[in-house]
Amino acid sequence: MNNQERKAQGLPYHYDDPSLTGNQFACQDLLYDYNATRPTQVAQRQQLLREMFAEIGEGCHVETPLCANWGCRHVHFGSGIYCNSHVTFVDDADIFIGDNCMLAPNVVICTSGHPVLPVLREHNYVYNLPVCIGKNVWIGSGAQILPGVTIGDNSVIGAGSVVTSSIPANVVAFGAPCRVIRAIGEHDRQYYCKGKALDVWE
């Protein structure tokens, strides 16, 4: 089995195999161009996003600077996504993000990891596992989403969390490691933040 096949199956592979680099520099050049745009260059930004991403829906807004190993070539965005500044996608494998998600500043979504066994790291082994984030998820600032994680629809990941395992739908989760704190429910129809009453239903 060659390194490309091993990578595709999520197995440890040699990341220094020249056959794997492909058009990575060209992807990074597009990202460089995007980060160099002005906020008022709306049409140019939208065109670059369509060229950069594996797929991207309507109404997405991506602040700069943005970082990505492959310039977002393996990032799949739904529609209506807001991505704040200094977000990093380690997109050596696919990253799927559903409609209406919000990514706060300094979020890191990582598909790549290194084996713990020292001799494997000495010989340039790495592995990649996809990350899947459902619809209407809010990821707080500085959160880190690690390889292979799935986050269910509507959930909230608190700021500074380290998400090492999957999180179900419709929950609030935070911590390092991130864990489910509570379900989203009637309380959230009454209060929007720390006992502050919600009045938008009136």
N, C-alpha and C. Protein backbone atom coordinates (compact mmCIF):
# COMPACT_ATOMS: atom_id res chain seq x y z
N MET A 1 0.85 -1.19 0.00
CA MET A 1 0.00 0.00 0.00
C MET A 1 0.89 1.24 0.00
N ASN A 2 0.65 2.16 -0.94
CA ASN A 2 1.48 3.36 -1.00
C ASN A 2 0.96 4.43 -0.04
N ASN A 3 1.71 5.53 0.05
CA ASN A 3 1.36 6.57 1.02
C ASN A 3 0.03 7.25 0.70
N GLN A 4 -0.29 7.42 -0.57
CA GLN A 4 -1.56 8.02 -0.93
C GLN A 4 -2.73 7.15 -0.46
N GLU A 5 -2.60 5.83 -0.64
CA GLU A 5 -3.65 4.91 -0.20
C GLU A 5 -3.76 4.89 1.33
N ARG A 6 -2.61 4.91 1.99
CA ARG A 6 -2.61 4.92 3.46
C ARG A 6 -3.26 6.21 3.98
N LYS A 7 -2.93 7.34 3.36
CA LYS A 7 -3.52 8.62 3.77
C LYS A 7 -5.04 8.59 3.62
N ALA A 8 -5.52 8.07 2.50
CA ALA A 8 -6.95 8.03 2.22
C ALA A 8 -7.71 7.17 3.24
N GLN A 9 -7.03 6.17 3.82
CA GLN A 9 -7.67 5.27 4.78
C GLN A 9 -7.45 5.69 6.23
N GLY A 10 -6.82 6.85 6.45
CA GLY A 10 -6.59 7.33 7.80
C GLY A 10 -5.49 6.60 8.53
N LEU A 11 -4.63 5.92 7.78
CA LEU A 11 -3.51 5.18 8.37
C LEU A 11 -2.27 6.06 8.43
N PRO A 12 -1.33 5.77 9.33
CA PRO A 12 -0.07 6.52 9.35
C PRO A 12 0.66 6.39 8.01
N TYR A 13 1.17 7.52 7.53
CA TYR A 13 1.88 7.55 6.24
C TYR A 13 3.02 8.56 6.32
N HIS A 14 3.93 8.51 5.35
CA HIS A 14 5.04 9.44 5.29
C HIS A 14 4.57 10.75 4.66
N TYR A 15 4.55 11.83 5.45
CA TYR A 15 4.08 13.11 4.91
C TYR A 15 5.08 13.75 3.95
N ASP A 16 6.33 13.27 3.94
CA ASP A 16 7.36 13.85 3.06
C ASP A 16 7.41 13.17 1.69
N ASP A 17 6.42 12.36 1.37
CA ASP A 17 6.34 11.73 0.06
C ASP A 17 6.00 12.82 -0.98
N PRO A 18 6.89 13.07 -1.96
CA PRO A 18 6.63 14.14 -2.94
C PRO A 18 5.34 13.96 -3.72
N SER A 19 4.86 12.73 -3.85
CA SER A 19 3.63 12.51 -4.62
C SER A 19 2.40 13.06 -3.92
N LEU A 20 2.53 13.42 -2.64
CA LEU A 20 1.39 13.90 -1.87
C LEU A 20 1.24 15.42 -1.89
N THR A 21 2.29 16.12 -2.26
CA THR A 21 2.25 17.58 -2.17
C THR A 21 1.40 18.20 -3.27
N GLY A 22 1.40 17.60 -4.47
CA GLY A 22 0.53 18.04 -5.56
C GLY A 22 0.56 19.53 -5.77
N ASN A 23 -0.62 20.15 -5.77
CA ASN A 23 -0.73 21.59 -6.03
C ASN A 23 -0.90 22.38 -4.73
N GLN A 24 -0.29 21.92 -3.65
CA GLN A 24 -0.46 22.57 -2.35
C GLN A 24 0.00 24.04 -2.39
N PHE A 25 1.12 24.31 -3.03
CA PHE A 25 1.59 25.69 -3.10
C PHE A 25 0.61 26.59 -3.85
N ALA A 26 0.01 26.07 -4.91
CA ALA A 26 -0.97 26.86 -5.66
C ALA A 26 -2.18 27.18 -4.78
N CYS A 27 -2.61 26.21 -3.96
CA CYS A 27 -3.71 26.43 -3.03
C CYS A 27 -3.35 27.49 -2.00
N GLN A 28 -2.12 27.42 -1.50
CA GLN A 28 -1.67 28.40 -0.52
C GLN A 28 -1.55 29.79 -1.13
N ASP A 29 -1.19 29.86 -2.41
CA ASP A 29 -1.11 31.16 -3.10
C ASP A 29 -2.48 31.82 -3.16
N LEU A 30 -3.53 31.03 -3.43
CA LEU A 30 -4.88 31.59 -3.45
C LEU A 30 -5.26 32.14 -2.07
N LEU A 31 -4.90 31.40 -1.03
CA LEU A 31 -5.17 31.86 0.32
C LEU A 31 -4.41 33.16 0.62
N TYR A 32 -3.16 33.22 0.17
CA TYR A 32 -2.36 34.44 0.33
C TYR A 32 -3.06 35.61 -0.33
N ASP A 33 -3.56 35.39 -1.55
CA ASP A 33 -4.27 36.45 -2.27
C ASP A 33 -5.52 36.89 -1.51
N TYR A 34 -6.24 35.91 -0.95
CA TYR A 34 -7.46 36.24 -0.20
C TYR A 34 -7.12 37.10 1.02
N ASN A 35 -6.09 36.70 1.75
CA ASN A 35 -5.71 37.45 2.95
C ASN A 35 -5.22 38.86 2.62
N ALA A 36 -4.80 39.09 1.39
CA ALA A 36 -4.30 40.41 0.98
C ALA A 36 -5.41 41.34 0.49
N THR A 37 -6.64 40.84 0.39
CA THR A 37 -7.74 41.68 -0.10
C THR A 37 -8.19 42.66 0.97
N ARG A 38 -8.83 43.73 0.50
CA ARG A 38 -9.43 44.71 1.40
C ARG A 38 -10.87 44.29 1.72
N PRO A 39 -11.39 44.71 2.87
CA PRO A 39 -12.77 44.38 3.21
C PRO A 39 -13.79 44.84 2.18
N THR A 40 -13.48 45.93 1.47
CA THR A 40 -14.42 46.45 0.48
C THR A 40 -14.40 45.69 -0.83
N GLN A 41 -13.44 44.78 -1.02
CA GLN A 41 -13.33 44.03 -2.28
C GLN A 41 -14.22 42.79 -2.20
N VAL A 42 -15.50 43.03 -2.05
CA VAL A 42 -16.46 41.96 -1.79
C VAL A 42 -16.51 40.96 -2.93
N ALA A 43 -16.64 41.42 -4.16
CA ALA A 43 -16.75 40.51 -5.30
C ALA A 43 -15.48 39.69 -5.48
N GLN A 44 -14.33 40.30 -5.33
CA GLN A 44 -13.06 39.57 -5.46
C GLN A 44 -12.93 38.52 -4.37
N ARG A 45 -13.33 38.89 -3.17
CA ARG A 45 -13.27 37.92 -2.06
C ARG A 45 -14.17 36.71 -2.34
N GLN A 46 -15.37 36.96 -2.79
CA GLN A 46 -16.30 35.85 -3.05
C GLN A 46 -15.76 34.94 -4.15
N GLN A 47 -15.16 35.52 -5.17
CA GLN A 47 -14.59 34.71 -6.25
C GLN A 47 -13.44 33.85 -5.73
N LEU A 48 -12.58 34.44 -4.92
CA LEU A 48 -11.46 33.67 -4.36
C LEU A 48 -11.96 32.55 -3.46
N LEU A 49 -12.97 32.80 -2.66
CA LEU A 49 -13.52 31.75 -1.80
C LEU A 49 -14.02 30.57 -2.62
N ARG A 50 -14.69 30.87 -3.73
CA ARG A 50 -15.19 29.79 -4.59
C ARG A 50 -14.04 28.98 -5.20
N GLU A 51 -12.92 29.64 -5.46
CA GLU A 51 -11.75 28.94 -6.01
C GLU A 51 -11.01 28.16 -4.92
N MET A 52 -10.99 28.69 -3.72
CA MET A 52 -10.20 28.10 -2.63
C MET A 52 -10.84 26.86 -2.04
N PHE A 53 -12.14 26.94 -1.72
CA PHE A 53 -12.80 25.90 -0.94
C PHE A 53 -13.20 24.71 -1.81
N ALA A 54 -13.27 23.54 -1.18
CA ALA A 54 -13.79 22.36 -1.88
C ALA A 54 -15.22 22.63 -2.32
N GLU A 55 -15.99 23.27 -1.43
CA GLU A 55 -17.33 23.76 -1.75
C GLU A 55 -17.69 24.81 -0.71
N ILE A 56 -18.48 25.79 -1.14
CA ILE A 56 -18.90 26.84 -0.22
C ILE A 56 -20.26 27.36 -0.68
N GLY A 57 -21.19 27.43 0.26
CA GLY A 57 -22.55 27.84 -0.06
C GLY A 57 -22.71 29.35 -0.10
N GLU A 58 -23.95 29.78 -0.26
CA GLU A 58 -24.26 31.21 -0.33
C GLU A 58 -24.20 31.85 1.06
N GLY A 59 -23.88 33.13 1.06
CA GLY A 59 -23.97 33.92 2.29
C GLY A 59 -22.91 33.63 3.32
N CYS A 60 -21.76 33.11 2.91
CA CYS A 60 -20.67 32.86 3.86
C CYS A 60 -19.76 34.09 3.95
N HIS A 61 -19.32 34.38 5.15
CA HIS A 61 -18.43 35.52 5.38
C HIS A 61 -17.20 35.02 6.13
N VAL A 62 -16.03 35.23 5.54
CA VAL A 62 -14.78 34.73 6.10
C VAL A 62 -13.84 35.90 6.33
N GLU A 63 -13.59 36.21 7.61
CA GLU A 63 -12.69 37.30 7.95
C GLU A 63 -11.23 36.90 7.70
N THR A 64 -10.39 37.89 7.53
CA THR A 64 -8.96 37.66 7.40
C THR A 64 -8.26 38.12 8.68
N PRO A 65 -7.06 37.56 8.96
CA PRO A 65 -6.41 36.51 8.19
C PRO A 65 -7.00 35.13 8.47
N LEU A 66 -6.89 34.28 7.48
CA LEU A 66 -7.31 32.89 7.55
C LEU A 66 -6.10 32.03 7.27
N CYS A 67 -5.96 30.92 8.00
CA CYS A 67 -4.82 30.01 7.80
C CYS A 67 -5.35 28.62 7.43
N ALA A 68 -4.64 27.95 6.51
CA ALA A 68 -5.02 26.58 6.13
C ALA A 68 -3.86 25.90 5.43
N ASN A 69 -3.58 24.67 5.83
CA ASN A 69 -2.48 23.91 5.21
C ASN A 69 -2.62 23.83 3.70
N TRP A 70 -3.84 23.56 3.25
CA TRP A 70 -4.12 23.39 1.82
C TRP A 70 -4.97 24.54 1.29
N GLY A 71 -4.91 25.69 1.95
CA GLY A 71 -5.65 26.84 1.46
C GLY A 71 -7.14 26.62 1.38
N CYS A 72 -7.68 25.73 2.23
CA CYS A 72 -9.11 25.37 2.28
C CYS A 72 -9.56 24.47 1.13
N ARG A 73 -8.62 23.87 0.43
CA ARG A 73 -8.96 22.97 -0.67
C ARG A 73 -9.78 21.79 -0.20
N HIS A 74 -9.65 21.39 1.07
CA HIS A 74 -10.38 20.25 1.61
C HIS A 74 -11.45 20.65 2.63
N VAL A 75 -11.84 21.95 2.59
CA VAL A 75 -12.86 22.45 3.51
C VAL A 75 -14.17 22.61 2.76
N HIS A 76 -15.23 22.03 3.34
CA HIS A 76 -16.57 22.04 2.73
C HIS A 76 -17.48 22.88 3.61
N PHE A 77 -17.88 24.06 3.12
CA PHE A 77 -18.77 24.94 3.85
C PHE A 77 -20.19 24.83 3.31
N GLY A 78 -21.16 24.80 4.22
CA GLY A 78 -22.55 24.98 3.83
C GLY A 78 -22.83 26.44 3.55
N SER A 79 -24.06 26.88 3.79
CA SER A 79 -24.47 28.27 3.55
C SER A 79 -24.56 29.04 4.86
N GLY A 80 -24.41 30.37 4.77
CA GLY A 80 -24.64 31.23 5.91
C GLY A 80 -23.65 31.08 7.04
N ILE A 81 -22.42 30.69 6.73
CA ILE A 81 -21.40 30.46 7.77
C ILE A 81 -20.62 31.75 8.00
N TYR A 82 -20.37 32.06 9.28
CA TYR A 82 -19.51 33.19 9.64
C TYR A 82 -18.24 32.64 10.28
N CYS A 83 -17.10 33.04 9.71
CA CYS A 83 -15.79 32.58 10.16
C CYS A 83 -14.98 33.82 10.55
N ASN A 84 -14.72 33.98 11.83
CA ASN A 84 -14.03 35.17 12.32
C ASN A 84 -12.52 35.07 12.06
N SER A 85 -11.79 36.08 12.48
CA SER A 85 -10.37 36.20 12.13
C SER A 85 -9.50 35.17 12.84
N HIS A 86 -8.38 34.87 12.22
CA HIS A 86 -7.35 33.99 12.77
C HIS A 86 -7.84 32.55 12.98
N VAL A 87 -8.82 32.12 12.20
CA VAL A 87 -9.22 30.71 12.22
C VAL A 87 -8.20 29.91 11.41
N THR A 88 -7.88 28.72 11.90
CA THR A 88 -6.93 27.84 11.24
C THR A 88 -7.58 26.51 10.89
N PHE A 89 -7.48 26.12 9.63
CA PHE A 89 -7.91 24.81 9.18
C PHE A 89 -6.68 23.98 8.83
N VAL A 90 -6.41 22.95 9.60
CA VAL A 90 -5.36 21.99 9.22
C VAL A 90 -6.06 20.96 8.35
N ASP A 91 -6.19 21.31 7.07
CA ASP A 91 -7.10 20.59 6.17
C ASP A 91 -6.37 19.57 5.29
N ASP A 92 -5.56 18.72 5.94
CA ASP A 92 -4.94 17.62 5.20
C ASP A 92 -5.96 16.54 4.86
N ALA A 93 -7.03 16.47 5.63
CA ALA A 93 -8.20 15.65 5.29
C ALA A 93 -9.41 16.58 5.22
N ASP A 94 -10.57 16.04 4.88
CA ASP A 94 -11.76 16.86 4.69
C ASP A 94 -12.30 17.41 6.01
N ILE A 95 -12.76 18.66 5.95
CA ILE A 95 -13.45 19.31 7.04
C ILE A 95 -14.83 19.72 6.52
N PHE A 96 -15.88 19.24 7.15
CA PHE A 96 -17.26 19.53 6.73
C PHE A 96 -17.92 20.40 7.79
N ILE A 97 -18.47 21.55 7.39
CA ILE A 97 -19.12 22.47 8.32
C ILE A 97 -20.49 22.82 7.74
N GLY A 98 -21.54 22.59 8.53
CA GLY A 98 -22.90 22.74 8.05
C GLY A 98 -23.39 24.18 8.03
N ASP A 99 -24.60 24.36 7.52
CA ASP A 99 -25.20 25.69 7.36
C ASP A 99 -25.27 26.45 8.69
N ASN A 100 -25.09 27.77 8.58
CA ASN A 100 -25.34 28.71 9.68
C ASN A 100 -24.46 28.50 10.90
N CYS A 101 -23.28 27.93 10.71
CA CYS A 101 -22.34 27.80 11.82
C CYS A 101 -21.59 29.11 12.03
N MET A 102 -21.09 29.29 13.26
CA MET A 102 -20.26 30.45 13.59
C MET A 102 -18.97 29.96 14.23
N LEU A 103 -17.84 30.44 13.68
CA LEU A 103 -16.52 30.13 14.21
C LEU A 103 -15.92 31.42 14.74
N ALA A 104 -15.65 31.46 16.03
CA ALA A 104 -15.11 32.65 16.68
C ALA A 104 -13.61 32.79 16.39
N PRO A 105 -13.00 33.91 16.78
CA PRO A 105 -11.57 34.09 16.51
C PRO A 105 -10.70 32.99 17.11
N ASN A 106 -9.63 32.68 16.39
CA ASN A 106 -8.57 31.77 16.86
C ASN A 106 -9.02 30.32 17.05
N VAL A 107 -10.11 29.94 16.41
CA VAL A 107 -10.51 28.53 16.40
C VAL A 107 -9.54 27.75 15.52
N VAL A 108 -9.17 26.55 15.96
CA VAL A 108 -8.33 25.64 15.18
C VAL A 108 -9.11 24.35 14.95
N ILE A 109 -9.25 23.98 13.68
CA ILE A 109 -9.88 22.70 13.32
C ILE A 109 -8.82 21.87 12.62
N CYS A 110 -8.45 20.77 13.25
CA CYS A 110 -7.25 20.02 12.84
C CYS A 110 -7.62 18.60 12.44
N THR A 111 -7.23 18.20 11.24
CA THR A 111 -7.46 16.82 10.79
C THR A 111 -6.20 15.97 10.88
N SER A 112 -5.09 16.56 11.28
CA SER A 112 -3.81 15.88 11.21
C SER A 112 -3.24 15.64 12.60
N GLY A 113 -2.67 14.46 12.79
CA GLY A 113 -2.01 14.13 14.06
C GLY A 113 -0.75 13.31 13.81
N HIS A 114 0.03 13.18 14.86
CA HIS A 114 1.28 12.41 14.77
C HIS A 114 1.25 11.28 15.79
N PRO A 115 1.77 10.11 15.44
CA PRO A 115 1.79 8.99 16.39
C PRO A 115 2.57 9.34 17.66
N VAL A 116 2.15 8.79 18.77
CA VAL A 116 2.83 9.03 20.04
C VAL A 116 4.18 8.33 20.06
N LEU A 117 4.31 7.17 19.41
CA LEU A 117 5.56 6.42 19.43
C LEU A 117 6.68 7.24 18.80
N PRO A 118 7.73 7.57 19.54
CA PRO A 118 8.76 8.49 19.04
C PRO A 118 9.40 8.08 17.73
N VAL A 119 9.67 6.79 17.54
CA VAL A 119 10.37 6.36 16.33
C VAL A 119 9.55 6.65 15.08
N LEU A 120 8.24 6.62 15.20
CA LEU A 120 7.40 6.93 14.04
C LEU A 120 7.48 8.41 13.67
N ARG A 121 7.52 9.28 14.69
CA ARG A 121 7.67 10.70 14.40
C ARG A 121 9.04 10.99 13.79
N GLU A 122 10.07 10.27 14.25
CA GLU A 122 11.41 10.44 13.69
C GLU A 122 11.44 10.12 12.20
N HIS A 123 10.56 9.22 11.78
CA HIS A 123 10.51 8.80 10.38
C HIS A 123 9.36 9.47 9.61
N ASN A 124 8.91 10.62 10.13
CA ASN A 124 7.97 11.49 9.41
C ASN A 124 6.60 10.85 9.14
N TYR A 125 6.11 10.11 10.12
CA TYR A 125 4.77 9.55 9.97
C TYR A 125 3.73 10.53 10.51
N VAL A 126 2.60 10.57 9.86
CA VAL A 126 1.47 11.41 10.24
C VAL A 126 0.20 10.65 9.88
N TYR A 127 -0.93 11.05 10.44
CA TYR A 127 -2.22 10.48 10.03
C TYR A 127 -3.24 11.60 9.92
N ASN A 128 -4.27 11.40 9.13
CA ASN A 128 -5.32 12.40 8.92
C ASN A 128 -6.69 11.75 9.11
N LEU A 129 -7.55 12.42 9.86
CA LEU A 129 -8.93 11.97 10.06
C LEU A 129 -9.86 13.15 9.85
N PRO A 130 -10.96 12.98 9.11
CA PRO A 130 -11.86 14.09 8.82
C PRO A 130 -12.57 14.62 10.06
N VAL A 131 -12.99 15.87 9.99
CA VAL A 131 -13.78 16.51 11.04
C VAL A 131 -15.12 16.91 10.43
N CYS A 132 -16.21 16.61 11.15
CA CYS A 132 -17.57 16.92 10.67
C CYS A 132 -18.31 17.74 11.72
N ILE A 133 -18.75 18.92 11.32
CA ILE A 133 -19.49 19.81 12.21
C ILE A 133 -20.87 20.02 11.60
N GLY A 134 -21.91 19.80 12.39
CA GLY A 134 -23.28 19.86 11.89
C GLY A 134 -23.74 21.29 11.63
N LYS A 135 -25.04 21.46 11.48
CA LYS A 135 -25.63 22.76 11.18
C LYS A 135 -25.83 23.58 12.47
N ASN A 136 -25.72 24.91 12.31
CA ASN A 136 -26.07 25.85 13.38
C ASN A 136 -25.26 25.63 14.64
N VAL A 137 -23.98 25.28 14.48
CA VAL A 137 -23.08 25.08 15.62
C VAL A 137 -22.31 26.38 15.87
N TRP A 138 -22.13 26.73 17.13
CA TRP A 138 -21.33 27.90 17.51
C TRP A 138 -20.09 27.38 18.22
N ILE A 139 -18.92 27.73 17.69
CA ILE A 139 -17.65 27.33 18.29
C ILE A 139 -16.98 28.57 18.85
N GLY A 140 -16.78 28.61 20.17
CA GLY A 140 -16.24 29.78 20.84
C GLY A 140 -14.77 30.01 20.57
N SER A 141 -14.31 31.21 20.90
CA SER A 141 -12.95 31.63 20.56
C SER A 141 -11.90 30.73 21.20
N GLY A 142 -10.87 30.45 20.42
CA GLY A 142 -9.74 29.67 20.91
C GLY A 142 -10.00 28.19 21.05
N ALA A 143 -11.16 27.71 20.64
CA ALA A 143 -11.44 26.27 20.72
C ALA A 143 -10.58 25.51 19.72
N GLN A 144 -10.22 24.30 20.08
CA GLN A 144 -9.43 23.43 19.21
C GLN A 144 -10.19 22.13 18.99
N ILE A 145 -10.46 21.84 17.72
CA ILE A 145 -11.20 20.64 17.34
C ILE A 145 -10.19 19.67 16.75
N LEU A 146 -10.04 18.49 17.33
CA LEU A 146 -8.98 17.56 16.96
C LEU A 146 -9.45 16.52 15.94
N PRO A 147 -8.50 15.78 15.34
CA PRO A 147 -8.83 14.86 14.24
C PRO A 147 -9.91 13.84 14.60
N GLY A 148 -10.80 13.60 13.64
CA GLY A 148 -11.81 12.56 13.78
C GLY A 148 -13.05 12.96 14.54
N VAL A 149 -13.14 14.20 15.00
CA VAL A 149 -14.26 14.64 15.83
C VAL A 149 -15.48 14.96 14.96
N THR A 150 -16.66 14.64 15.49
CA THR A 150 -17.94 15.05 14.93
C THR A 150 -18.68 15.87 15.99
N ILE A 151 -19.28 16.99 15.57
CA ILE A 151 -20.09 17.82 16.47
C ILE A 151 -21.49 17.89 15.89
N GLY A 152 -22.49 17.56 16.69
CA GLY A 152 -23.86 17.49 16.21
C GLY A 152 -24.51 18.84 16.02
N ASP A 153 -25.64 18.87 15.31
CA ASP A 153 -26.37 20.09 15.00
C ASP A 153 -26.71 20.88 16.27
N ASN A 154 -26.66 22.22 16.14
CA ASN A 154 -27.14 23.18 17.14
C ASN A 154 -26.30 23.28 18.40
N SER A 155 -25.24 22.50 18.52
CA SER A 155 -24.48 22.51 19.77
C SER A 155 -23.59 23.74 19.87
N VAL A 156 -23.19 24.06 21.10
CA VAL A 156 -22.30 25.17 21.40
C VAL A 156 -21.04 24.62 22.06
N ILE A 157 -19.88 25.00 21.52
CA ILE A 157 -18.59 24.62 22.08
C ILE A 157 -17.99 25.85 22.73
N GLY A 158 -17.77 25.81 24.03
CA GLY A 158 -17.31 26.98 24.77
C GLY A 158 -15.90 27.40 24.41
N ALA A 159 -15.62 28.67 24.65
CA ALA A 159 -14.31 29.24 24.35
C ALA A 159 -13.21 28.48 25.07
N GLY A 160 -12.09 28.29 24.36
CA GLY A 160 -10.93 27.64 24.94
C GLY A 160 -11.02 26.13 25.07
N SER A 161 -12.06 25.53 24.56
CA SER A 161 -12.24 24.08 24.69
C SER A 161 -11.25 23.33 23.81
N VAL A 162 -10.90 22.13 24.26
CA VAL A 162 -10.09 21.20 23.47
C VAL A 162 -10.96 19.98 23.22
N VAL A 163 -11.46 19.87 21.98
CA VAL A 163 -12.46 18.85 21.66
C VAL A 163 -11.73 17.62 21.14
N THR A 164 -11.59 16.62 22.01
CA THR A 164 -10.83 15.41 21.67
C THR A 164 -11.72 14.26 21.24
N SER A 165 -13.02 14.36 21.53
CA SER A 165 -13.95 13.31 21.14
C SER A 165 -15.26 13.94 20.69
N SER A 166 -16.10 13.17 20.03
CA SER A 166 -17.29 13.71 19.40
C SER A 166 -18.31 14.22 20.43
N ILE A 167 -19.07 15.24 20.00
CA ILE A 167 -20.07 15.90 20.83
C ILE A 167 -21.43 15.74 20.16
N PRO A 168 -22.47 15.35 20.89
CA PRO A 168 -23.78 15.14 20.26
C PRO A 168 -24.46 16.46 19.90
N ALA A 169 -25.63 16.35 19.28
CA ALA A 169 -26.43 17.52 18.91
C ALA A 169 -27.12 18.12 20.13
N ASN A 170 -27.42 19.43 20.03
CA ASN A 170 -28.30 20.12 20.99
C ASN A 170 -27.78 20.15 22.42
N VAL A 171 -26.45 20.38 22.56
CA VAL A 171 -25.88 20.47 23.90
C VAL A 171 -24.91 21.66 23.98
N VAL A 172 -24.64 22.08 25.21
CA VAL A 172 -23.55 23.01 25.51
C VAL A 172 -22.40 22.17 26.06
N ALA A 173 -21.22 22.35 25.48
CA ALA A 173 -20.06 21.57 25.90
C ALA A 173 -18.85 22.50 25.99
N PHE A 174 -18.03 22.29 27.00
CA PHE A 174 -16.79 23.06 27.09
C PHE A 174 -15.82 22.35 28.01
N GLY A 175 -14.58 22.86 28.00
CA GLY A 175 -13.54 22.32 28.87
C GLY A 175 -12.38 21.75 28.09
N ALA A 176 -11.35 21.34 28.85
CA ALA A 176 -10.17 20.72 28.26
C ALA A 176 -9.81 19.49 29.09
N PRO A 177 -10.23 18.30 28.66
CA PRO A 177 -10.93 18.05 27.39
C PRO A 177 -12.39 18.48 27.46
N CYS A 178 -12.95 18.78 26.29
CA CYS A 178 -14.33 19.24 26.18
C CYS A 178 -15.29 18.12 26.57
N ARG A 179 -16.31 18.48 27.36
CA ARG A 179 -17.33 17.50 27.73
C ARG A 179 -18.69 18.16 27.73
N VAL A 180 -19.73 17.38 27.60
CA VAL A 180 -21.10 17.90 27.61
C VAL A 180 -21.43 18.39 29.02
N ILE A 181 -21.91 19.64 29.09
CA ILE A 181 -22.30 20.23 30.37
C ILE A 181 -23.80 20.11 30.59
N ARG A 182 -24.57 20.40 29.53
CA ARG A 182 -26.02 20.32 29.66
C ARG A 182 -26.65 20.31 28.28
N ALA A 183 -27.91 19.93 28.24
CA ALA A 183 -28.68 20.00 27.01
C ALA A 183 -29.17 21.43 26.78
N ILE A 184 -29.38 21.78 25.53
CA ILE A 184 -30.04 23.04 25.19
C ILE A 184 -31.54 22.81 25.29
N GLY A 185 -32.24 23.69 26.05
CA GLY A 185 -33.66 23.43 26.26
C GLY A 185 -34.42 24.66 26.70
N GLU A 186 -35.41 24.46 27.57
CA GLU A 186 -36.32 25.53 27.98
C GLU A 186 -35.58 26.69 28.64
N HIS A 187 -34.55 26.39 29.41
CA HIS A 187 -33.75 27.45 30.05
C HIS A 187 -33.27 28.47 29.03
N ASP A 188 -32.90 27.98 27.85
CA ASP A 188 -32.34 28.85 26.82
C ASP A 188 -33.41 29.65 26.09
N ARG A 189 -34.67 29.30 26.29
CA ARG A 189 -35.77 30.10 25.77
C ARG A 189 -36.11 31.25 26.72
N GLN A 190 -35.57 31.18 27.95
CA GLN A 190 -35.84 32.21 28.95
C GLN A 190 -34.66 33.15 29.17
N TYR A 191 -33.44 32.64 29.02
CA TYR A 191 -32.24 33.42 29.32
C TYR A 191 -31.22 33.28 28.19
N TYR A 192 -30.61 34.41 27.83
CA TYR A 192 -29.62 34.36 26.76
C TYR A 192 -28.18 34.37 27.26
N CYS A 193 -27.96 34.86 28.51
CA CYS A 193 -26.60 34.88 29.06
C CYS A 193 -26.64 35.11 30.56
N LYS A 194 -26.20 34.16 31.34
CA LYS A 194 -25.99 34.31 32.78
C LYS A 194 -27.15 35.01 33.49
N GLY A 195 -28.35 34.49 33.32
CA GLY A 195 -29.51 35.01 34.01
C GLY A 195 -30.13 36.25 33.39
N LYS A 196 -29.62 36.68 32.24
CA LYS A 196 -30.20 37.84 31.55
C LYS A 196 -31.41 37.36 30.74
N ALA A 197 -32.56 37.95 31.03
CA ALA A 197 -33.81 37.48 30.45
C ALA A 197 -33.87 37.74 28.95
N LEU A 198 -34.39 36.75 28.25
CA LEU A 198 -34.57 36.83 26.80
C LEU A 198 -35.94 37.42 26.49
N ASP A 199 -35.96 38.49 25.67
CA ASP A 199 -37.22 39.15 25.40
C ASP A 199 -37.63 39.10 23.93
N VAL A 200 -36.91 38.39 23.10
CA VAL A 200 -37.19 38.40 21.66
C VAL A 200 -38.47 37.66 21.30
N TRP A 201 -39.03 36.88 22.24
CA TRP A 201 -40.26 36.14 21.94
C TRP A 201 -41.50 36.99 22.18
N GLU A 202 -41.33 38.17 22.81
CA GLU A 202 -42.49 39.00 23.15
C GLU A 202 -43.11 39.61 21.91
